Amino acid sequence: MIPLDELKQGESAVIDKITTDKLPLKLIEMGCLPGNPISLIQKAPFNDPLYFKIDESYLAIRKETAKEILVRRIK
């Protein structure tokens, strides 16, 4: 498992575990839950925020929050 912020652009993974109970409700509503696939679309300048696709939703996640989401790479 790796933190979500370590994915490379274009790489996909499956959310395995969320290590904080302070995850913004909007992320949960958009599908940021264990078992869901996620892919890194783009990194903003200075690598914050990170732009992801979860299911059919696109969202930006701050690097600080992405470190709390553990994923398994899809090969």
C-alpha atoms as a PDB file:
ATOM      1  CA  MET A   1       0.000   0.000   0.000  1.00  0.00           C
ATOM      2  CA  ILE A   2       1.106   3.538  -0.730  1.00  0.00           C
ATOM      3  CA  PRO A   3      -0.341   6.968   0.075  1.00  0.00           C
ATOM      4  CA  LEU A   4      -2.520   8.396  -2.701  1.00  0.00           C
ATOM      5  CA  ASP A   5      -0.158  11.336  -3.225  1.00  0.00           C
ATOM      6  CA  GLU A   6       2.565   8.927  -4.473  1.00  0.00           C
ATOM      7  CA  LEU A   7       0.624   7.870  -7.591  1.00  0.00           C
ATOM      8  CA  LYS A   8       2.148   8.984 -10.877  1.00  0.00           C
ATOM      9  CA  GLN A   9       0.143  10.831 -13.515  1.00  0.00           C
ATOM     10  CA  GLY A  10      -2.017   8.372 -15.475  1.00  0.00           C
ATOM     11  CA  GLU A  11      -1.614   5.628 -12.862  1.00  0.00           C
ATOM     12  CA  SER A  12      -4.638   3.822 -11.387  1.00  0.00           C
ATOM     13  CA  ALA A  13      -5.219   2.247  -7.990  1.00  0.00           C
ATOM     14  CA  VAL A  14      -7.905   0.949  -5.671  1.00  0.00           C
ATOM     15  CA  ILE A  15      -8.576   2.744  -2.396  1.00  0.00           C
ATOM     16  CA  ASP A  16      -7.620   0.352   0.389  1.00  0.00           C
ATOM     17  CA  LYS A  17      -7.808   2.335   3.629  1.00  0.00           C
ATOM     18  CA  ILE A  18      -8.443   5.847   4.926  1.00  0.00           C
ATOM     19  CA  THR A  19      -6.285   6.620   7.958  1.00  0.00           C
ATOM     20  CA  THR A  20      -8.151   9.697   9.189  1.00  0.00           C
ATOM     21  CA  ASP A  21     -11.654  10.275  10.443  1.00  0.00           C
ATOM     22  CA  LYS A  22     -11.495  13.889   9.248  1.00  0.00           C
ATOM     23  CA  LEU A  23     -11.974  13.164   5.530  1.00  0.00           C
ATOM     24  CA  PRO A  24     -14.157  15.909   4.006  1.00  0.00           C
ATOM     25  CA  LEU A  25     -17.761  14.766   3.507  1.00  0.00           C
ATOM     26  CA  LYS A  26     -17.648  15.918  -0.132  1.00  0.00           C
ATOM     27  CA  LEU A  27     -14.922  13.338  -0.905  1.00  0.00           C
ATOM     28  CA  ILE A  28     -16.991  10.566   0.647  1.00  0.00           C
ATOM     29  CA  GLU A  29     -20.076  11.667  -1.320  1.00  0.00           C
ATOM     30  CA  MET A  30     -18.035  11.656  -4.554  1.00  0.00           C
ATOM     31  CA  GLY A  31     -16.969   8.031  -4.014  1.00  0.00           C
ATOM     32  CA  CYS A  32     -13.686   8.278  -2.119  1.00  0.00           C
ATOM     33  CA  LEU A  33     -14.326   5.035  -0.236  1.00  0.00           C
ATOM     34  CA  PRO A  34     -12.358   1.802   0.263  1.00  0.00           C
ATOM     35  CA  GLY A  35     -12.750  -0.570  -2.694  1.00  0.00           C
ATOM     36  CA  ASN A  36     -13.324   2.148  -5.309  1.00  0.00           C
ATOM     37  CA  PRO A  37     -10.905   2.641  -8.223  1.00  0.00           C
ATOM     38  CA  ILE A  38      -9.099   5.980  -8.508  1.00  0.00           C
ATOM     39  CA  SER A  39      -6.697   7.425 -11.097  1.00  0.00           C
ATOM     40  CA  LEU A  40      -4.433  10.438 -11.035  1.00  0.00           C
ATOM     41  CA  ILE A  41      -5.276  12.724 -13.956  1.00  0.00           C
ATOM     42  CA  GLN A  42      -3.034  15.699 -13.275  1.00  0.00           C
ATOM     43  CA  LYS A  43      -0.896  17.473 -10.679  1.00  0.00           C
ATOM     44  CA  ALA A  44      -1.196  21.222 -10.198  1.00  0.00           C
ATOM     45  CA  PRO A  45       1.917  23.416 -10.086  1.00  0.00           C
ATOM     46  CA  PHE A  46       3.945  22.612  -6.958  1.00  0.00           C
ATOM     47  CA  ASN A  47       2.023  19.266  -6.850  1.00  0.00           C
ATOM     48  CA  ASP A  48      -0.902  20.602  -4.813  1.00  0.00           C
ATOM     49  CA  PRO A  49      -3.788  19.942  -5.301  1.00  0.00           C
ATOM     50  CA  LEU A  50      -3.954  16.632  -7.164  1.00  0.00           C
ATOM     51  CA  TYR A  51      -6.703  16.014  -9.736  1.00  0.00           C
ATOM     52  CA  PHE A  52      -8.303  12.533  -9.643  1.00  0.00           C
ATOM     53  CA  LYS A  53     -11.032  10.517 -11.332  1.00  0.00           C
ATOM     54  CA  ILE A  54     -13.117   8.311  -9.033  1.00  0.00           C
ATOM     55  CA  ASP A  55     -15.807   6.292 -10.823  1.00  0.00           C
ATOM     56  CA  GLU A  56     -17.302   8.930 -13.142  1.00  0.00           C
ATOM     57  CA  SER A  57     -16.453  11.909 -10.913  1.00  0.00           C
ATOM     58  CA  TYR A  58     -13.479  14.261 -11.151  1.00  0.00           C
ATOM     59  CA  LEU A  59     -12.187  15.979  -8.049  1.00  0.00           C
ATOM     60  CA  ALA A  60      -9.210  17.830  -6.643  1.00  0.00           C
ATOM     61  CA  ILE A  61      -7.702  16.580  -3.405  1.00  0.00           C
ATOM     62  CA  ARG A  62      -5.133  18.506  -1.390  1.00  0.00           C
ATOM     63  CA  LYS A  63      -1.832  16.685  -0.989  1.00  0.00           C
ATOM     64  CA  GLU A  64      -2.203  16.811   2.799  1.00  0.00           C
ATOM     65  CA  THR A  65      -5.500  14.868   2.543  1.00  0.00           C
ATOM     66  CA  ALA A  66      -4.178  12.480  -0.133  1.00  0.00           C
ATOM     67  CA  LYS A  67      -1.447  11.328   2.286  1.00  0.00           C
ATOM     68  CA  GLU A  68      -4.203   9.936   4.555  1.00  0.00           C
ATOM     69  CA  ILE A  69      -5.687   7.718   1.806  1.00  0.00           C
ATOM     70  CA  LEU A  70      -3.848   4.418   1.233  1.00  0.00           C
ATOM     71  CA  VAL A  71      -4.188   2.682  -2.144  1.00  0.00           C
ATOM     72  CA  ARG A  72      -3.037  -0.442  -4.009  1.00  0.00           C
ATOM     73  CA  ARG A  73      -1.734   0.116  -7.539  1.00  0.00           C
ATOM     74  CA  ILE A  74      -3.578  -1.605 -10.385  1.00  0.00           C
ATOM     75  CA  LYS A  75      -1.157  -3.375 -12.725  1.00  0.00           C
END
